[in-house]
Amino acid sequence: MATREELKWQNINADDLPAEVKKSFEAMVEAEAAFKADLEKLLKSEGHMPEDKFLVVSRKGRRLGVAYASTPRGEGGAGSLKFKSK
């Protein structure tokens, strides 16, 4: 039986990233927000999602997991990583 690797997650504050990396991070955040808004609009217009709920999305590769919550979902907590700026 193979042992399962334990992942040690840490949070990164985007403000601590080097400028060139922060730029692509910000583009990713904008694209993710636009995608989520488009998906939520589609699901509501097709009748798959209640109008009074908020969409929660998770992704693994090209597969999406969706759920509906009564309140917007906040970010979880874990350790923090800081990067040295030049």
C-alpha atoms as a PDB file:
ATOM      1  CA  MET A   1       0.000   0.000   0.000  1.00  0.00           C
ATOM      2  CA  ALA A   2       1.468   3.355  -1.052  1.00  0.00           C
ATOM      3  CA  THR A   3       1.758   6.107   1.504  1.00  0.00           C
ATOM      4  CA  ARG A   4      -0.085   9.287   0.705  1.00  0.00           C
ATOM      5  CA  GLU A   5       1.975  12.474   0.659  1.00  0.00           C
ATOM      6  CA  GLU A   6       0.793  15.061   3.170  1.00  0.00           C
ATOM      7  CA  LEU A   7       0.602  18.514   1.590  1.00  0.00           C
ATOM      8  CA  LYS A   8       1.619  21.477   3.719  1.00  0.00           C
ATOM      9  CA  TRP A   9      -0.321  24.471   2.413  1.00  0.00           C
ATOM     10  CA  GLN A  10       0.789  28.049   3.011  1.00  0.00           C
ATOM     11  CA  ASN A  11      -0.865  31.279   1.978  1.00  0.00           C
ATOM     12  CA  ILE A  12       0.973  33.820  -0.150  1.00  0.00           C
ATOM     13  CA  ASN A  13       0.171  37.521   0.075  1.00  0.00           C
ATOM     14  CA  ALA A  14       0.061  38.734  -3.547  1.00  0.00           C
ATOM     15  CA  ASP A  15       1.477  42.104  -2.451  1.00  0.00           C
ATOM     16  CA  ASP A  16       4.691  40.283  -1.505  1.00  0.00           C
ATOM     17  CA  LEU A  17       5.207  38.823  -5.002  1.00  0.00           C
ATOM     18  CA  PRO A  18       7.788  40.301  -7.393  1.00  0.00           C
ATOM     19  CA  ALA A  19       6.153  42.760  -9.858  1.00  0.00           C
ATOM     20  CA  GLU A  20       6.351  40.468 -12.929  1.00  0.00           C
ATOM     21  CA  VAL A  21       4.688  37.605 -11.048  1.00  0.00           C
ATOM     22  CA  LYS A  22       2.125  39.866  -9.374  1.00  0.00           C
ATOM     23  CA  LYS A  23       1.022  41.118 -12.811  1.00  0.00           C
ATOM     24  CA  SER A  24       0.152  37.615 -14.031  1.00  0.00           C
ATOM     25  CA  PHE A  25      -1.459  36.801 -10.664  1.00  0.00           C
ATOM     26  CA  GLU A  26      -3.744  39.823 -11.020  1.00  0.00           C
ATOM     27  CA  ALA A  27      -4.661  38.757 -14.574  1.00  0.00           C
ATOM     28  CA  MET A  28      -5.515  35.276 -13.264  1.00  0.00           C
ATOM     29  CA  VAL A  29      -7.729  36.733 -10.512  1.00  0.00           C
ATOM     30  CA  GLU A  30      -9.597  38.927 -13.024  1.00  0.00           C
ATOM     31  CA  ALA A  31     -10.090  36.033 -15.443  1.00  0.00           C
ATOM     32  CA  GLU A  32     -11.316  33.744 -12.645  1.00  0.00           C
ATOM     33  CA  ALA A  33     -13.834  36.360 -11.449  1.00  0.00           C
ATOM     34  CA  ALA A  34     -15.122  36.918 -15.007  1.00  0.00           C
ATOM     35  CA  PHE A  35     -15.450  33.158 -15.570  1.00  0.00           C
ATOM     36  CA  LYS A  36     -17.303  32.653 -12.285  1.00  0.00           C
ATOM     37  CA  ALA A  37     -19.722  35.528 -13.064  1.00  0.00           C
ATOM     38  CA  ASP A  38     -20.382  34.131 -16.572  1.00  0.00           C
ATOM     39  CA  LEU A  39     -20.917  30.613 -15.211  1.00  0.00           C
ATOM     40  CA  GLU A  40     -23.247  31.855 -12.459  1.00  0.00           C
ATOM     41  CA  LYS A  41     -25.289  33.819 -15.022  1.00  0.00           C
ATOM     42  CA  LEU A  42     -25.511  30.745 -17.292  1.00  0.00           C
ATOM     43  CA  LEU A  43     -26.541  28.403 -14.451  1.00  0.00           C
ATOM     44  CA  LYS A  44     -29.231  30.828 -13.253  1.00  0.00           C
ATOM     45  CA  SER A  45     -30.599  31.484 -16.768  1.00  0.00           C
ATOM     46  CA  GLU A  46     -30.775  27.727 -17.459  1.00  0.00           C
ATOM     47  CA  GLY A  47     -32.604  27.135 -14.162  1.00  0.00           C
ATOM     48  CA  HIS A  48     -29.840  25.026 -12.588  1.00  0.00           C
ATOM     49  CA  MET A  49     -29.133  27.455  -9.743  1.00  0.00           C
ATOM     50  CA  PRO A  50     -31.419  29.331  -7.327  1.00  0.00           C
ATOM     51  CA  GLU A  51     -31.436  33.126  -7.820  1.00  0.00           C
ATOM     52  CA  ASP A  52     -30.817  33.810  -4.104  1.00  0.00           C
ATOM     53  CA  LYS A  53     -27.646  31.672  -3.800  1.00  0.00           C
ATOM     54  CA  PHE A  54     -23.948  32.313  -4.421  1.00  0.00           C
ATOM     55  CA  LEU A  55     -21.791  30.093  -6.621  1.00  0.00           C
ATOM     56  CA  VAL A  56     -18.833  28.228  -5.113  1.00  0.00           C
ATOM     57  CA  VAL A  57     -16.450  26.704  -7.660  1.00  0.00           C
ATOM     58  CA  SER A  58     -13.534  24.303  -7.319  1.00  0.00           C
ATOM     59  CA  ARG A  59     -11.406  23.010 -10.164  1.00  0.00           C
ATOM     60  CA  LYS A  60      -9.222  19.982 -10.706  1.00  0.00           C
ATOM     61  CA  GLY A  61      -7.669  19.956 -14.148  1.00  0.00           C
ATOM     62  CA  ARG A  62     -10.476  20.508 -16.649  1.00  0.00           C
ATOM     63  CA  ARG A  63     -13.223  19.324 -14.267  1.00  0.00           C
ATOM     64  CA  LEU A  64     -15.315  21.769 -12.257  1.00  0.00           C
ATOM     65  CA  GLY A  65     -17.078  21.258  -8.979  1.00  0.00           C
ATOM     66  CA  VAL A  66     -19.928  23.673  -8.265  1.00  0.00           C
ATOM     67  CA  ALA A  67     -22.012  24.255  -5.164  1.00  0.00           C
ATOM     68  CA  TYR A  68     -24.466  26.912  -4.052  1.00  0.00           C
ATOM     69  CA  ALA A  69     -24.121  28.762  -0.752  1.00  0.00           C
ATOM     70  CA  SER A  70     -26.422  31.145   1.109  1.00  0.00           C
ATOM     71  CA  THR A  71     -23.591  33.620   1.749  1.00  0.00           C
ATOM     72  CA  PRO A  72     -20.476  34.570  -0.250  1.00  0.00           C
ATOM     73  CA  ARG A  73     -17.508  32.363   0.578  1.00  0.00           C
ATOM     74  CA  GLY A  74     -14.455  33.926   2.251  1.00  0.00           C
ATOM     75  CA  GLU A  75     -10.864  32.819   2.063  1.00  0.00           C
ATOM     76  CA  GLY A  76      -9.554  30.230   4.507  1.00  0.00           C
ATOM     77  CA  GLY A  77      -6.486  30.606   6.681  1.00  0.00           C
ATOM     78  CA  ALA A  78      -3.144  28.829   6.753  1.00  0.00           C
ATOM     79  CA  GLY A  79       0.488  29.784   7.223  1.00  0.00           C
ATOM     80  CA  SER A  80       1.836  32.748   5.222  1.00  0.00           C
ATOM     81  CA  LEU A  81       4.798  32.941   2.847  1.00  0.00           C
ATOM     82  CA  LYS A  82       6.623  36.203   2.242  1.00  0.00           C
ATOM     83  CA  PHE A  83       8.961  36.882  -0.674  1.00  0.00           C
ATOM     84  CA  LYS A  84      11.968  39.160  -0.540  1.00  0.00           C
ATOM     85  CA  SER A  85      11.617  42.140  -2.831  1.00  0.00           C
ATOM     86  CA  LYS A  86      14.650  43.438  -4.699  1.00  0.00           C
END
